[in-house]
């Protein structure tokens, strides 16, 4: 019998040759037309080789058997309990494990084992949750990069909580199509906090100034996220912002002055605890009494009401339709109109509001100038080849 001859030879052969022969034996088990007796003998030989002192031999078994559904389960489970370099390919590829096996491997294995499990195709939600909860940063990065993994929203939030300060994990999560919009905003907020701390540490800006700049950048990004999200995701985003203390009058006013009426109305509906249809009707109603009642019910600062009122009146007159830009960018002419109307009222309590509107106006003017310059450069690059061709 070939297997008997193999077992006699393997006792004295060098480790490298034993590993090569072991790989051949495993391939023969999987792919050759062996009799039932030969299959049983080959399986027995592989079980014996699990005790081989050389890791090269056991790794040869793992490399050949890892991805096969026809591999002997006893051999696979033994290899999975071997040293990490041998267990990793089996845990990464074998279809013989159930979810509980993989969760246990994550809980008891080291970084290499966790990384192997995180890289599995079609990774189940329960296993992804265990990695998000106790996995290393490397395994969480691999999980985030694994677009076949089923990651629950709570698991994504847990990875953000544990490792959202790491750029690689932030980028991998943001690249996922299934990342909830609230989690996406949390990552942006965490990045803003990190940048503010970095700038303040190096004394490039005063701490308060750095935090304000970071907060405004986060608000801009939040509105951009809302503008690019499905309308059904806006209310969960609003609730997340409210829960985390980010649903401020400044953010809501920025949304309105960017033309993002959906975000504005959803915010009012959430704060006033009214149906969105009712809020939308009140916002678009020509009367001011109902608007003021809605504003007061939402609990927004009374001093900010004039800006909201002027912006809504401009919106009713079609002010957004003539303004270039998407729903994530402040509209310069709209802001200047609101600012002028508020300045005319000359009330001392409006000073903080006027300061905010002036910052909005400056931001909008700079963005408009950047877009204009980009268009000029683009036009000149297009014109030069045309001139050369002529």
Foldseek 3Di string as FASTA:
>chain_A
DVLVVLVVVLVPDDPVVLQVVLLVLLCCLVDNPDDPVSNVSSLVVLVVCLPPPDVSNLQSNQVNPQQDQPGDPVSLVSQCPDPLVRNLSNLLHHPPDDLVVLLVQQVPDDQSSLLSNLQHAQREQVNLQSCLQDNDLNSLLSNLQRQRYDHDQVSLLSNCVVPLLDVSNLVSNCPHPPHQLQSVLSSLLSVLVVQLVVCCVVPVDPSVVSNVVSLVVSLLVNQVSCLPDDLVRLLVNLVSCVVVVNLAPLSLLQLLQLVVVSNNLSNLCVLLVHDSVVSVCLLLDPDVVSVVVSVVSSVHDPLCVLLSVQSSVCVNVVVVVVFDDGSSAGGQVSLVRSLVVVVVVVDPSNVVVNVSSVVSNVRNVVVVVVVVVVVVVVVVVVVVVVVVVD
